[in-house]
Amino acid sequence: MAGAEKRQKKPKKAETTDIKEYLKQLPPPPEEHTYELKMEKRVKRMLEEEKKKKTKKTPSSRPPL
């Protein structure tokens, strides 16, 4: 029964180092703070655009006759 030997499993340390190396190659994840700043800018821009649309619609922006 010499041919029926069990296979040896790979050590887990090798797997974790491979994962760590892979993660090092990836770009860093975006930080929450930068995401919040980006969203704040987007909201401000949207509010300004809506304000401009409202001022165009109202006839009060014209001088009286």
PDB file of N, CA and C in Angstrom:
ATOM      1  N   MET A   1       0.810  -1.190   0.000  1.00  0.00           N
ATOM      2  CA  MET A   1       0.000   0.000   0.000  1.00  0.00           C
ATOM      3  C   MET A   1       0.862   1.266   0.000  1.00  0.00           C
ATOM      4  N   ALA A   2       1.957   1.225  -0.614  1.00  0.00           N
ATOM      5  CA  ALA A   2       2.838   2.380  -0.669  1.00  0.00           C
ATOM      6  C   ALA A   2       2.268   3.460  -1.572  1.00  0.00           C
ATOM      7  N   GLY A   3       1.430   3.091  -2.553  1.00  0.00           N
ATOM      8  CA  GLY A   3       0.872   4.067  -3.490  1.00  0.00           C
ATOM      9  C   GLY A   3      -0.311   4.834  -2.937  1.00  0.00           C
ATOM     10  N   ALA A   4      -0.873   4.432  -1.817  1.00  0.00           N
ATOM     11  CA  ALA A   4      -2.063   5.081  -1.254  1.00  0.00           C
ATOM     12  C   ALA A   4      -1.700   6.070  -0.161  1.00  0.00           C
ATOM     13  N   GLU A   5      -0.655   6.853  -0.390  1.00  0.00           N
ATOM     14  CA  GLU A   5      -0.257   7.850   0.615  1.00  0.00           C
ATOM     15  C   GLU A   5      -1.172   9.073   0.517  1.00  0.00           C
ATOM     16  N   LYS A   6      -1.357   9.730   1.628  1.00  0.00           N
ATOM     17  CA  LYS A   6      -2.196  10.928   1.648  1.00  0.00           C
ATOM     18  C   LYS A   6      -1.416  12.125   1.087  1.00  0.00           C
ATOM     19  N   ARG A   7      -2.172  13.021   0.439  1.00  0.00           N
ATOM     20  CA  ARG A   7      -1.554  14.239  -0.066  1.00  0.00           C
ATOM     21  C   ARG A   7      -1.336  15.205   1.090  1.00  0.00           C
ATOM     22  N   GLN A   8      -0.272  15.955   0.980  1.00  0.00           N
ATOM     23  CA  GLN A   8      -0.016  16.979   1.987  1.00  0.00           C
ATOM     24  C   GLN A   8      -0.701  18.276   1.557  1.00  0.00           C
ATOM     25  N   LYS A   9      -1.368  18.895   2.498  1.00  0.00           N
ATOM     26  CA  LYS A   9      -2.031  20.159   2.216  1.00  0.00           C
ATOM     27  C   LYS A   9      -1.012  21.281   2.227  1.00  0.00           C
ATOM     28  N   LYS A  10      -1.325  22.345   1.467  1.00  0.00           N
ATOM     29  CA  LYS A  10      -0.450  23.510   1.468  1.00  0.00           C
ATOM     30  C   LYS A  10      -0.564  24.211   2.814  1.00  0.00           C
ATOM     31  N   PRO A  11       0.506  24.738   3.301  1.00  0.00           N
ATOM     32  CA  PRO A  11       0.410  25.464   4.574  1.00  0.00           C
ATOM     33  C   PRO A  11      -0.404  26.742   4.394  1.00  0.00           C
ATOM     34  N   LYS A  12      -1.169  27.112   5.420  1.00  0.00           N
ATOM     35  CA  LYS A  12      -2.035  28.279   5.339  1.00  0.00           C
ATOM     36  C   LYS A  12      -1.238  29.577   5.270  1.00  0.00           C
ATOM     37  N   LYS A  13      -0.050  29.585   5.786  1.00  0.00           N
ATOM     38  CA  LYS A  13       0.761  30.793   5.748  1.00  0.00           C
ATOM     39  C   LYS A  13       1.063  31.199   4.311  1.00  0.00           C
ATOM     40  N   ALA A  14       1.273  30.268   3.454  1.00  0.00           N
ATOM     41  CA  ALA A  14       1.559  30.581   2.057  1.00  0.00           C
ATOM     42  C   ALA A  14       0.344  31.239   1.412  1.00  0.00           C
ATOM     43  N   GLU A  15      -0.852  30.789   1.745  1.00  0.00           N
ATOM     44  CA  GLU A  15      -2.062  31.365   1.181  1.00  0.00           C
ATOM     45  C   GLU A  15      -2.248  32.803   1.653  1.00  0.00           C
ATOM     46  N   THR A  16      -2.023  33.043   2.929  1.00  0.00           N
ATOM     47  CA  THR A  16      -2.225  34.390   3.450  1.00  0.00           C
ATOM     48  C   THR A  16      -1.201  35.359   2.862  1.00  0.00           C
ATOM     49  N   THR A  17       0.022  34.929   2.637  1.00  0.00           N
ATOM     50  CA  THR A  17       1.012  35.830   2.044  1.00  0.00           C
ATOM     51  C   THR A  17       0.637  36.130   0.599  1.00  0.00           C
ATOM     52  N   ASP A  18       0.079  35.163  -0.114  1.00  0.00           N
ATOM     53  CA  ASP A  18      -0.360  35.417  -1.482  1.00  0.00           C
ATOM     54  C   ASP A  18      -1.479  36.448  -1.499  1.00  0.00           C
ATOM     55  N   ILE A  19      -2.394  36.343  -0.579  1.00  0.00           N
ATOM     56  CA  ILE A  19      -3.502  37.294  -0.500  1.00  0.00           C
ATOM     57  C   ILE A  19      -2.976  38.681  -0.151  1.00  0.00           C
ATOM     58  N   LYS A  20      -2.055  38.757   0.782  1.00  0.00           N
ATOM     59  CA  LYS A  20      -1.487  40.045   1.172  1.00  0.00           C
ATOM     60  C   LYS A  20      -0.763  40.694   0.001  1.00  0.00           C
ATOM     61  N   GLU A  21      -0.037  39.904  -0.758  1.00  0.00           N
ATOM     62  CA  GLU A  21       0.669  40.446  -1.919  1.00  0.00           C
ATOM     63  C   GLU A  21      -0.327  40.953  -2.957  1.00  0.00           C
ATOM     64  N   TYR A  22      -1.409  40.234  -3.145  1.00  0.00           N
ATOM     65  CA  TYR A  22      -2.440  40.651  -4.100  1.00  0.00           C
ATOM     66  C   TYR A  22      -3.086  41.957  -3.658  1.00  0.00           C
ATOM     67  N   LEU A  23      -3.363  42.071  -2.367  1.00  0.00           N
ATOM     68  CA  LEU A  23      -3.981  43.291  -1.848  1.00  0.00           C
ATOM     69  C   LEU A  23      -3.045  44.486  -1.962  1.00  0.00           C
ATOM     70  N   LYS A  24      -1.757  44.263  -1.866  1.00  0.00           N
ATOM     71  CA  LYS A  24      -0.792  45.348  -2.014  1.00  0.00           C
ATOM     72  C   LYS A  24      -0.812  45.903  -3.437  1.00  0.00           C
ATOM     73  N   GLN A  25      -1.116  45.059  -4.419  1.00  0.00           N
ATOM     74  CA  GLN A  25      -1.134  45.491  -5.814  1.00  0.00           C
ATOM     75  C   GLN A  25      -2.357  46.353  -6.124  1.00  0.00           C
ATOM     76  N   LEU A  26      -3.436  46.156  -5.387  1.00  0.00           N
ATOM     77  CA  LEU A  26      -4.663  46.908  -5.636  1.00  0.00           C
ATOM     78  C   LEU A  26      -4.525  48.342  -5.143  1.00  0.00           C
ATOM     79  N   PRO A  27      -5.245  49.280  -5.772  1.00  0.00           N
ATOM     80  CA  PRO A  27      -5.205  50.654  -5.263  1.00  0.00           C
ATOM     81  C   PRO A  27      -5.906  50.725  -3.915  1.00  0.00           C
ATOM     82  N   PRO A  28      -5.543  51.683  -3.082  1.00  0.00           N
ATOM     83  CA  PRO A  28      -6.178  51.770  -1.758  1.00  0.00           C
ATOM     84  C   PRO A  28      -7.656  52.105  -1.898  1.00  0.00           C
ATOM     85  N   PRO A  29      -8.481  51.590  -1.013  1.00  0.00           N
ATOM     86  CA  PRO A  29      -9.913  51.888  -1.084  1.00  0.00           C
ATOM     87  C   PRO A  29     -10.170  53.358  -0.762  1.00  0.00           C
ATOM     88  N   PRO A  30     -11.202  53.949  -1.346  1.00  0.00           N
ATOM     89  CA  PRO A  30     -11.480  55.367  -1.060  1.00  0.00           C
ATOM     90  C   PRO A  30     -11.882  55.551   0.398  1.00  0.00           C
ATOM     91  N   GLU A  31     -11.385  56.607   0.968  1.00  0.00           N
ATOM     92  CA  GLU A  31     -11.697  56.875   2.368  1.00  0.00           C
ATOM     93  C   GLU A  31     -13.080  57.506   2.455  1.00  0.00           C
ATOM     94  N   GLU A  32     -13.732  57.314   3.563  1.00  0.00           N
ATOM     95  CA  GLU A  32     -15.088  57.843   3.740  1.00  0.00           C
ATOM     96  C   GLU A  32     -15.097  59.363   3.692  1.00  0.00           C
ATOM     97  N   HIS A  33     -14.073  59.969   4.237  1.00  0.00           N
ATOM     98  CA  HIS A  33     -14.033  61.433   4.290  1.00  0.00           C
ATOM     99  C   HIS A  33     -13.988  62.018   2.879  1.00  0.00           C
ATOM    100  N   THR A  34     -13.158  61.464   2.023  1.00  0.00           N
ATOM    101  CA  THR A  34     -13.062  61.974   0.660  1.00  0.00           C
ATOM    102  C   THR A  34     -14.379  61.756  -0.074  1.00  0.00           C
ATOM    103  N   TYR A  35     -15.027  60.644   0.191  1.00  0.00           N
ATOM    104  CA  TYR A  35     -16.323  60.376  -0.431  1.00  0.00           C
ATOM    105  C   TYR A  35     -17.356  61.401   0.020  1.00  0.00           C
ATOM    106  N   GLU A  36     -17.341  61.717   1.318  1.00  0.00           N
ATOM    107  CA  GLU A  36     -18.283  62.703   1.844  1.00  0.00           C
ATOM    108  C   GLU A  36     -18.055  64.069   1.214  1.00  0.00           C
ATOM    109  N   LEU A  37     -16.806  64.456   1.067  1.00  0.00           N
ATOM    110  CA  LEU A  37     -16.504  65.744   0.447  1.00  0.00           C
ATOM    111  C   LEU A  37     -16.983  65.780  -0.999  1.00  0.00           C
ATOM    112  N   LYS A  38     -16.783  64.702  -1.684  1.00  0.00           N
ATOM    113  CA  LYS A  38     -17.218  64.613  -3.077  1.00  0.00           C
ATOM    114  C   LYS A  38     -18.732  64.761  -3.167  1.00  0.00           C
ATOM    115  N   MET A  39     -19.445  64.083  -2.270  1.00  0.00           N
ATOM    116  CA  MET A  39     -20.907  64.152  -2.296  1.00  0.00           C
ATOM    117  C   MET A  39     -21.400  65.556  -1.911  1.00  0.00           C
ATOM    118  N   GLU A  40     -20.726  66.207  -0.979  1.00  0.00           N
ATOM    119  CA  GLU A  40     -21.101  67.572  -0.601  1.00  0.00           C
ATOM    120  C   GLU A  40     -20.975  68.509  -1.793  1.00  0.00           C
ATOM    121  N   LYS A  41     -19.895  68.382  -2.535  1.00  0.00           N
ATOM    122  CA  LYS A  41     -19.705  69.217  -3.717  1.00  0.00           C
ATOM    123  C   LYS A  41     -20.809  68.966  -4.730  1.00  0.00           C
ATOM    124  N   ARG A  42     -21.159  67.718  -4.907  1.00  0.00           N
ATOM    125  CA  ARG A  42     -22.203  67.359  -5.867  1.00  0.00           C
ATOM    126  C   ARG A  42     -23.551  67.956  -5.452  1.00  0.00           C
ATOM    127  N   VAL A  43     -23.868  67.872  -4.164  1.00  0.00           N
ATOM    128  CA  VAL A  43     -25.138  68.410  -3.670  1.00  0.00           C
ATOM    129  C   VAL A  43     -25.157  69.930  -3.829  1.00  0.00           C
ATOM    130  N   LYS A  44     -24.070  70.604  -3.508  1.00  0.00           N
ATOM    131  CA  LYS A  44     -24.011  72.055  -3.657  1.00  0.00           C
ATOM    132  C   LYS A  44     -24.213  72.462  -5.113  1.00  0.00           C
ATOM    133  N   ARG A  45     -23.584  71.738  -6.020  1.00  0.00           N
ATOM    134  CA  ARG A  45     -23.729  72.028  -7.437  1.00  0.00           C
ATOM    135  C   ARG A  45     -25.178  71.845  -7.886  1.00  0.00           C
ATOM    136  N   MET A  46     -25.811  70.777  -7.413  1.00  0.00           N
ATOM    137  CA  MET A  46     -27.211  70.532  -7.768  1.00  0.00           C
ATOM    138  C   MET A  46     -28.112  71.654  -7.245  1.00  0.00           C
ATOM    139  N   LEU A  47     -27.878  72.101  -6.017  1.00  0.00           N
ATOM    140  CA  LEU A  47     -28.682  73.177  -5.443  1.00  0.00           C
ATOM    141  C   LEU A  47     -28.506  74.480  -6.224  1.00  0.00           C
ATOM    142  N   GLU A  48     -27.284  74.775  -6.635  1.00  0.00           N
ATOM    143  CA  GLU A  48     -27.039  75.982  -7.420  1.00  0.00           C
ATOM    144  C   GLU A  48     -27.755  75.918  -8.763  1.00  0.00           C
ATOM    145  N   GLU A  49     -27.729  74.746  -9.398  1.00  0.00           N
ATOM    146  CA  GLU A  49     -28.404  74.592 -10.685  1.00  0.00           C
ATOM    147  C   GLU A  49     -29.912  74.775 -10.525  1.00  0.00           C
ATOM    148  N   GLU A  50     -30.487  74.216  -9.467  1.00  0.00           N
ATOM    149  CA  GLU A  50     -31.922  74.372  -9.234  1.00  0.00           C
ATOM    150  C   GLU A  50     -32.273  75.837  -8.946  1.00  0.00           C
ATOM    151  N   LYS A  51     -31.414  76.513  -8.223  1.00  0.00           N
ATOM    152  CA  LYS A  51     -31.646  77.923  -7.915  1.00  0.00           C
ATOM    153  C   LYS A  51     -31.632  78.745  -9.198  1.00  0.00           C
ATOM    154  N   LYS A  52     -30.707  78.449 -10.093  1.00  0.00           N
ATOM    155  CA  LYS A  52     -30.640  79.156 -11.366  1.00  0.00           C
ATOM    156  C   LYS A  52     -31.893  78.905 -12.198  1.00  0.00           C
ATOM    157  N   LYS A  53     -32.377  77.669 -12.184  1.00  0.00           N
ATOM    158  CA  LYS A  53     -33.586  77.334 -12.941  1.00  0.00           C
ATOM    159  C   LYS A  53     -34.786  78.101 -12.393  1.00  0.00           C
ATOM    160  N   LYS A  54     -34.875  78.202 -11.070  1.00  0.00           N
ATOM    161  CA  LYS A  54     -36.000  78.910 -10.447  1.00  0.00           C
ATOM    162  C   LYS A  54     -35.962  80.393 -10.782  1.00  0.00           C
ATOM    163  N   THR A  55     -34.797  80.992 -10.779  1.00  0.00           N
ATOM    164  CA  THR A  55     -34.693  82.419 -11.076  1.00  0.00           C
ATOM    165  C   THR A  55     -35.029  82.696 -12.533  1.00  0.00           C
ATOM    166  N   LYS A  56     -34.750  81.783 -13.415  1.00  0.00           N
ATOM    167  CA  LYS A  56     -35.105  81.959 -14.819  1.00  0.00           C
ATOM    168  C   LYS A  56     -36.617  81.882 -15.022  1.00  0.00           C
ATOM    169  N   LYS A  57     -37.296  81.052 -14.265  1.00  0.00           N
ATOM    170  CA  LYS A  57     -38.737  80.858 -14.416  1.00  0.00           C
ATOM    171  C   LYS A  57     -39.537  82.020 -13.846  1.00  0.00           C
ATOM    172  N   THR A  58     -39.079  82.625 -12.786  1.00  0.00           N
ATOM    173  CA  THR A  58     -39.862  83.690 -12.137  1.00  0.00           C
ATOM    174  C   THR A  58     -39.707  84.998 -12.894  1.00  0.00           C
ATOM    175  N   PRO A  59     -40.798  85.693 -13.142  1.00  0.00           N
ATOM    176  CA  PRO A  59     -40.709  86.973 -13.862  1.00  0.00           C
ATOM    177  C   PRO A  59     -40.282  88.119 -12.942  1.00  0.00           C
ATOM    178  N   SER A  60     -40.122  87.874 -11.674  1.00  0.00           N
ATOM    179  CA  SER A  60     -39.732  88.929 -10.736  1.00  0.00           C
ATOM    180  C   SER A  60     -38.291  89.369 -10.950  1.00  0.00           C
ATOM    181  N   SER A  61     -37.505  88.597 -11.654  1.00  0.00           N
ATOM    182  CA  SER A  61     -36.133  88.975 -11.886  1.00  0.00           C
ATOM    183  C   SER A  61     -36.040  90.094 -12.922  1.00  0.00           C
ATOM    184  N   ARG A  62     -37.124  90.316 -13.701  1.00  0.00           N
ATOM    185  CA  ARG A  62     -37.146  91.400 -14.690  1.00  0.00           C
ATOM    186  C   ARG A  62     -37.475  92.726 -13.992  1.00  0.00           C
ATOM    187  N   PRO A  63     -36.959  93.808 -14.523  1.00  0.00           N
ATOM    188  CA  PRO A  63     -37.318  95.117 -13.938  1.00  0.00           C
ATOM    189  C   PRO A  63     -38.756  95.468 -14.316  1.00  0.00           C
ATOM    190  N   PRO A  64     -39.463  96.165 -13.450  1.00  0.00           N
ATOM    191  CA  PRO A  64     -40.875  96.520 -13.747  1.00  0.00           C
ATOM    192  C   PRO A  64     -40.952  97.499 -14.899  1.00  0.00           C
ATOM    193  N   LEU A  65     -42.062  97.488 -15.640  1.00  0.00           N
ATOM    194  CA  LEU A  65     -42.247  98.385 -16.776  1.00  0.00           C
ATOM    195  C   LEU A  65     -42.759  99.729 -16.388  1.00  0.00           C
TER     196      LEU A  65
END
